[in-house]
C-alpha cells in the first residue's frame, strides 16, 4: 500500500482530519495535503512526527513488515495502556510514568 493510502486509512480509523494531523505534528496543512495526495512523501523527522501524532509505529505507517507478532508492541495490554496514556494530559502522563517506575522498583525488590 502506498504511503498516501496508508496515511488516509490511519486518519480515517482514528477519526482525524488533515488539519488535526497538521496541528499535532507542527507540519503545514499543505505538506499533509501533499502526503495524502501522494505528491510527496515525508522524510525521517516528518515521518517520526506523523507516527508519533497518530500513535503508530513507523513500521505501521510505512508498512515495512519489520515488526513480527512476537514484538512487544503487539501486546494487547501494552496497546491498551498506550491508548490510555496518550489520552492523559501531560502532567498526568508524568504522574503515570512515575507510578509505573515505582511499581517496577517494588517488583524488583
N, C-alpha and C. Protein backbone atom coordinates (compact mmCIF):
# COMPACT_ATOMS: atom_id res chain seq x y z
N UNK A 1 0.86 -1.18 0.00
CA UNK A 1 0.00 0.00 0.00
C UNK A 1 0.90 1.24 0.00
N UNK A 2 0.58 2.18 -0.84
CA UNK A 2 1.34 3.42 -0.91
C UNK A 2 1.18 4.22 0.38
N UNK A 3 2.19 5.03 0.68
CA UNK A 3 2.17 5.82 1.91
C UNK A 3 0.89 6.65 2.01
N UNK A 4 0.50 7.31 0.94
CA UNK A 4 -0.69 8.17 0.95
C UNK A 4 -1.93 7.37 1.37
N UNK A 5 -2.09 6.19 0.83
CA UNK A 5 -3.25 5.36 1.17
C UNK A 5 -3.22 4.92 2.62
N UNK A 6 -2.03 4.56 3.10
CA UNK A 6 -1.90 4.12 4.48
C UNK A 6 -2.21 5.28 5.42
N UNK A 7 -1.72 6.47 5.10
CA UNK A 7 -1.98 7.65 5.92
C UNK A 7 -3.48 7.95 5.95
N UNK A 8 -4.14 7.88 4.82
CA UNK A 8 -5.60 8.09 4.76
C UNK A 8 -6.32 7.06 5.63
N UNK A 9 -5.89 5.81 5.55
CA UNK A 9 -6.51 4.74 6.31
C UNK A 9 -6.39 4.99 7.82
N UNK A 10 -5.19 5.36 8.26
CA UNK A 10 -4.97 5.59 9.70
C UNK A 10 -5.77 6.80 10.17
N UNK A 11 -5.77 7.86 9.38
CA UNK A 11 -6.56 9.05 9.76
C UNK A 11 -8.03 8.69 9.89
N UNK A 12 -8.53 7.92 8.96
CA UNK A 12 -9.93 7.50 8.98
C UNK A 12 -10.23 6.65 10.21
N UNK A 13 -9.35 5.70 10.51
CA UNK A 13 -9.54 4.83 11.67
C UNK A 13 -9.58 5.63 12.97
N UNK A 14 -8.80 6.69 13.02
CA UNK A 14 -8.70 7.48 14.24
C UNK A 14 -9.68 8.66 14.25
N UNK A 15 -10.45 8.80 13.17
CA UNK A 15 -11.43 9.88 13.09
C UNK A 15 -10.78 11.26 13.03
N UNK A 16 -9.63 11.34 12.40
CA UNK A 16 -8.90 12.61 12.30
C UNK A 16 -8.95 13.16 10.89
N UNK A 17 -8.73 14.46 10.80
CA UNK A 17 -8.66 15.14 9.51
C UNK A 17 -7.23 15.62 9.30
N UNK A 18 -6.93 16.02 8.09
CA UNK A 18 -5.59 16.51 7.75
C UNK A 18 -5.20 17.68 8.64
N UNK A 19 -6.13 18.56 8.90
CA UNK A 19 -5.84 19.73 9.74
C UNK A 19 -5.47 19.30 11.16
N UNK A 20 -6.10 18.25 11.68
CA UNK A 20 -5.77 17.73 13.00
C UNK A 20 -4.33 17.22 13.03
N UNK A 21 -3.96 16.51 11.97
CA UNK A 21 -2.60 15.97 11.88
C UNK A 21 -1.59 17.10 11.75
N UNK A 22 -1.91 18.11 10.97
CA UNK A 22 -1.01 19.26 10.82
C UNK A 22 -0.77 19.92 12.17
N UNK A 23 -1.82 20.14 12.92
CA UNK A 23 -1.68 20.76 14.25
C UNK A 23 -0.86 19.90 15.18
N UNK A 24 -1.11 18.60 15.16
CA UNK A 24 -0.44 17.69 16.09
C UNK A 24 1.05 17.53 15.76
N UNK A 25 1.41 17.68 14.51
CA UNK A 25 2.79 17.46 14.09
C UNK A 25 3.60 18.74 13.95
N UNK A 26 2.90 19.85 13.78
CA UNK A 26 3.60 21.11 13.51
C UNK A 26 3.98 21.25 12.05
N UNK A 27 3.53 20.30 11.23
CA UNK A 27 3.77 20.39 9.79
C UNK A 27 2.67 21.24 9.16
N UNK A 28 2.94 21.80 8.00
CA UNK A 28 1.94 22.63 7.35
C UNK A 28 0.79 21.79 6.80
N UNK A 29 -0.36 22.42 6.69
CA UNK A 29 -1.51 21.72 6.09
C UNK A 29 -1.21 21.37 4.64
N UNK A 30 -0.43 22.22 3.96
CA UNK A 30 -0.06 21.95 2.57
C UNK A 30 0.79 20.68 2.47
N UNK A 31 1.72 20.52 3.41
CA UNK A 31 2.57 19.32 3.40
C UNK A 31 1.72 18.07 3.63
N UNK A 32 0.83 18.13 4.61
CA UNK A 32 -0.04 16.98 4.89
C UNK A 32 -0.90 16.68 3.66
N UNK A 33 -1.41 17.71 3.04
CA UNK A 33 -2.22 17.55 1.83
C UNK A 33 -1.41 16.86 0.73
N UNK A 34 -0.17 17.28 0.55
CA UNK A 34 0.70 16.66 -0.46
C UNK A 34 0.94 15.18 -0.14
N UNK A 35 1.12 14.86 1.15
CA UNK A 35 1.32 13.46 1.53
C UNK A 35 0.07 12.63 1.23
N UNK A 36 -1.09 13.21 1.53
CA UNK A 36 -2.35 12.49 1.31
C UNK A 36 -2.66 12.31 -0.17
N UNK A 37 -2.22 13.24 -0.99
CA UNK A 37 -2.44 13.15 -2.44
C UNK A 37 -1.38 12.31 -3.14
N UNK A 38 -0.35 11.92 -2.39
CA UNK A 38 0.72 11.13 -2.97
C UNK A 38 1.70 11.95 -3.78
N UNK A 39 1.65 13.28 -3.66
CA UNK A 39 2.57 14.14 -4.39
C UNK A 39 3.97 14.08 -3.80
N UNK A 40 4.03 13.93 -2.47
CA UNK A 40 5.30 13.86 -1.76
C UNK A 40 5.18 12.81 -0.67
N UNK A 41 6.34 12.39 -0.17
CA UNK A 41 6.39 11.51 0.99
C UNK A 41 7.26 12.17 2.04
N UNK A 42 6.90 12.02 3.30
CA UNK A 42 7.68 12.67 4.35
C UNK A 42 9.06 12.04 4.51
N UNK A 43 9.99 12.86 4.95
CA UNK A 43 11.33 12.37 5.25
C UNK A 43 11.37 11.88 6.68
N UNK A 44 12.53 11.56 7.18
CA UNK A 44 12.70 10.97 8.50
C UNK A 44 11.99 11.66 9.63
N UNK A 45 12.33 12.92 9.89
CA UNK A 45 11.74 13.61 11.04
C UNK A 45 10.24 13.83 10.86
N UNK A 46 9.83 14.11 9.65
CA UNK A 46 8.40 14.29 9.41
C UNK A 46 7.66 12.97 9.62
N UNK A 47 8.25 11.87 9.18
CA UNK A 47 7.65 10.56 9.39
C UNK A 47 7.51 10.25 10.87
N UNK A 48 8.54 10.56 11.62
CA UNK A 48 8.51 10.32 13.07
C UNK A 48 7.43 11.15 13.72
N UNK A 49 7.33 12.43 13.32
CA UNK A 49 6.29 13.31 13.88
C UNK A 49 4.90 12.78 13.58
N UNK A 50 4.71 12.32 12.35
CA UNK A 50 3.40 11.81 11.94
C UNK A 50 3.06 10.54 12.72
N UNK A 51 4.01 9.61 12.78
CA UNK A 51 3.77 8.35 13.50
C UNK A 51 3.46 8.64 14.96
N UNK A 52 4.23 9.53 15.57
CA UNK A 52 4.02 9.87 16.98
C UNK A 52 2.64 10.50 17.19
N UNK A 53 2.28 11.43 16.33
CA UNK A 53 0.98 12.10 16.46
C UNK A 53 -0.18 11.12 16.28
N UNK A 54 0.01 10.12 15.44
CA UNK A 54 -1.04 9.14 15.18
C UNK A 54 -1.00 7.97 16.17
N UNK A 55 0.06 7.90 16.97
CA UNK A 55 0.18 6.81 17.93
C UNK A 55 0.43 5.47 17.27
N UNK A 56 1.19 5.49 16.18
CA UNK A 56 1.53 4.25 15.48
C UNK A 56 3.04 4.18 15.32
N UNK A 57 3.54 3.00 15.03
CA UNK A 57 4.97 2.83 14.79
C UNK A 57 5.28 3.26 13.36
N UNK A 58 6.56 3.52 13.11
CA UNK A 58 6.98 3.81 11.73
C UNK A 58 6.69 2.62 10.83
N UNK A 59 6.84 1.41 11.38
CA UNK A 59 6.54 0.21 10.61
C UNK A 59 5.09 0.20 10.16
N UNK A 60 4.19 0.56 11.06
CA UNK A 60 2.78 0.60 10.71
C UNK A 60 2.52 1.67 9.66
N UNK A 61 3.12 2.84 9.86
CA UNK A 61 2.92 3.96 8.94
C UNK A 61 3.44 3.64 7.54
N UNK A 62 4.60 3.03 7.48
CA UNK A 62 5.24 2.75 6.19
C UNK A 62 5.04 1.31 5.72
N UNK A 63 4.45 0.47 6.56
CA UNK A 63 4.23 -0.95 6.24
C UNK A 63 5.51 -1.63 5.76
N UNK A 64 6.55 -1.52 6.60
CA UNK A 64 7.82 -2.13 6.22
C UNK A 64 7.85 -3.63 6.43
N UNK A 65 7.00 -4.13 7.33
CA UNK A 65 6.97 -5.56 7.59
C UNK A 65 8.03 -6.02 8.55
N UNK A 66 8.74 -5.08 9.19
CA UNK A 66 9.79 -5.48 10.12
C UNK A 66 9.27 -5.96 11.46
N UNK A 67 8.10 -5.52 11.85
CA UNK A 67 7.55 -5.99 13.12
C UNK A 67 7.03 -7.41 12.96
N UNK A 68 7.25 -8.19 13.98
CA UNK A 68 6.72 -9.55 13.98
C UNK A 68 5.65 -9.66 15.05
N UNK A 69 4.93 -10.74 15.04
CA UNK A 69 3.89 -10.94 16.05
C UNK A 69 4.49 -11.03 17.45
N UNK A 70 5.78 -11.42 17.55
CA UNK A 70 6.41 -11.53 18.86
C UNK A 70 6.83 -10.17 19.41
N UNK A 71 6.71 -9.14 18.63
CA UNK A 71 7.12 -7.81 19.07
C UNK A 71 6.32 -7.39 20.29
N UNK A 72 7.00 -6.78 21.29
CA UNK A 72 6.26 -6.30 22.46
C UNK A 72 5.22 -5.25 22.08
N UNK A 73 5.40 -4.61 20.94
CA UNK A 73 4.43 -3.61 20.50
C UNK A 73 3.10 -4.23 20.12
N UNK A 74 3.08 -5.54 19.92
CA UNK A 74 1.83 -6.23 19.57
C UNK A 74 1.10 -6.76 20.80
N UNK A 75 1.62 -6.50 21.99
CA UNK A 75 1.00 -6.93 23.23
C UNK A 75 -0.29 -6.14 23.44
N UNK A 76 -1.45 -6.80 23.53
CA UNK A 76 -2.72 -6.08 23.69
C UNK A 76 -2.78 -5.21 24.94
N UNK A 77 -2.17 -5.67 26.03
CA UNK A 77 -2.18 -4.87 27.25
C UNK A 77 -1.35 -3.60 27.07
N UNK A 78 -0.23 -3.72 26.37
CA UNK A 78 0.61 -2.55 26.11
C UNK A 78 -0.11 -1.56 25.21
N UNK A 79 -0.83 -2.07 24.23
CA UNK A 79 -1.60 -1.20 23.33
C UNK A 79 -2.69 -0.46 24.11
N UNK A 80 -3.37 -1.18 25.01
CA UNK A 80 -4.42 -0.56 25.81
C UNK A 80 -3.82 0.51 26.72
N UNK A 81 -2.71 0.18 27.35
CA UNK A 81 -2.06 1.13 28.24
C UNK A 81 -1.59 2.36 27.46
N UNK A 82 -1.09 2.16 26.27
CA UNK A 82 -0.63 3.27 25.45
C UNK A 82 -1.78 4.21 25.09
N UNK A 83 -2.92 3.65 24.73
CA UNK A 83 -4.10 4.47 24.40
C UNK A 83 -4.53 5.30 25.60
N UNK A 84 -4.55 4.67 26.76
CA UNK A 84 -4.94 5.38 27.98
C UNK A 84 -3.94 6.49 28.27
N UNK A 85 -2.65 6.14 28.19
CA UNK A 85 -1.60 7.11 28.48
C UNK A 85 -1.69 8.32 27.55
N UNK A 86 -1.91 8.07 26.26
CA UNK A 86 -1.98 9.15 25.29
C UNK A 86 -3.20 10.04 25.51
N UNK A 87 -4.22 9.53 26.17
CA UNK A 87 -5.41 10.34 26.42
C UNK A 87 -5.24 11.26 27.62
N UNK A 88 -4.18 11.03 28.40
CA UNK A 88 -3.94 11.84 29.59
C UNK A 88 -3.31 13.19 29.24
N UNK A 89 -3.58 14.17 30.08
CA UNK A 89 -2.91 15.46 29.95
C UNK A 89 -1.45 15.28 30.35
N UNK A 90 -0.54 16.13 29.83
CA UNK A 90 0.89 15.95 30.09
C UNK A 90 1.27 15.80 31.56
N UNK A 91 0.66 16.58 32.44
CA UNK A 91 1.03 16.47 33.86
C UNK A 91 0.61 15.12 34.45
N UNK A 92 -0.49 14.56 33.94
CA UNK A 92 -0.92 13.25 34.40
C UNK A 92 -0.07 12.15 33.77
N UNK A 93 0.46 12.39 32.56
CA UNK A 93 1.37 11.43 31.96
C UNK A 93 2.63 11.31 32.82
N UNK A 94 3.14 12.45 33.31
CA UNK A 94 4.31 12.43 34.18
C UNK A 94 4.02 11.62 35.44
N UNK A 95 2.87 11.86 36.03
CA UNK A 95 2.47 11.13 37.24
C UNK A 95 2.38 9.63 36.95
N UNK A 96 1.77 9.28 35.82
CA UNK A 96 1.61 7.86 35.47
C UNK A 96 2.97 7.20 35.27
N UNK A 97 3.90 7.88 34.61
CA UNK A 97 5.24 7.32 34.42
C UNK A 97 5.94 7.08 35.76
N UNK A 98 5.85 8.06 36.65
CA UNK A 98 6.47 7.91 37.96
C UNK A 98 5.87 6.73 38.71
N UNK A 99 4.55 6.57 38.61
CA UNK A 99 3.86 5.48 39.29
C UNK A 99 4.32 4.13 38.75
N UNK A 100 4.39 4.01 37.44
CA UNK A 100 4.80 2.74 36.83
C UNK A 100 6.25 2.42 37.19
N UNK A 101 7.11 3.45 37.23
CA UNK A 101 8.50 3.22 37.62
C UNK A 101 8.57 2.69 39.05
N UNK A 102 7.77 3.25 39.94
CA UNK A 102 7.76 2.79 41.33
C UNK A 102 7.25 1.36 41.43
N UNK A 103 6.24 1.02 40.62
CA UNK A 103 5.76 -0.37 40.61
C UNK A 103 6.87 -1.32 40.17
N UNK A 104 7.61 -0.93 39.16
CA UNK A 104 8.70 -1.77 38.67
C UNK A 104 9.78 -1.94 39.74
N UNK A 105 10.07 -0.86 40.46
CA UNK A 105 11.05 -0.94 41.55
C UNK A 105 10.58 -1.90 42.64
N UNK A 106 9.31 -1.81 43.00
CA UNK A 106 8.76 -2.69 44.03
C UNK A 106 8.83 -4.16 43.58
N UNK A 107 8.52 -4.38 42.32
CA UNK A 107 8.56 -5.74 41.78
C UNK A 107 9.95 -6.33 41.83
N UNK A 108 10.95 -5.50 41.60
CA UNK A 108 12.34 -5.98 41.52
C UNK A 108 13.01 -6.12 42.89
N UNK A 109 12.31 -5.77 43.96
CA UNK A 109 12.90 -5.90 45.30
C UNK A 109 12.79 -7.31 45.81
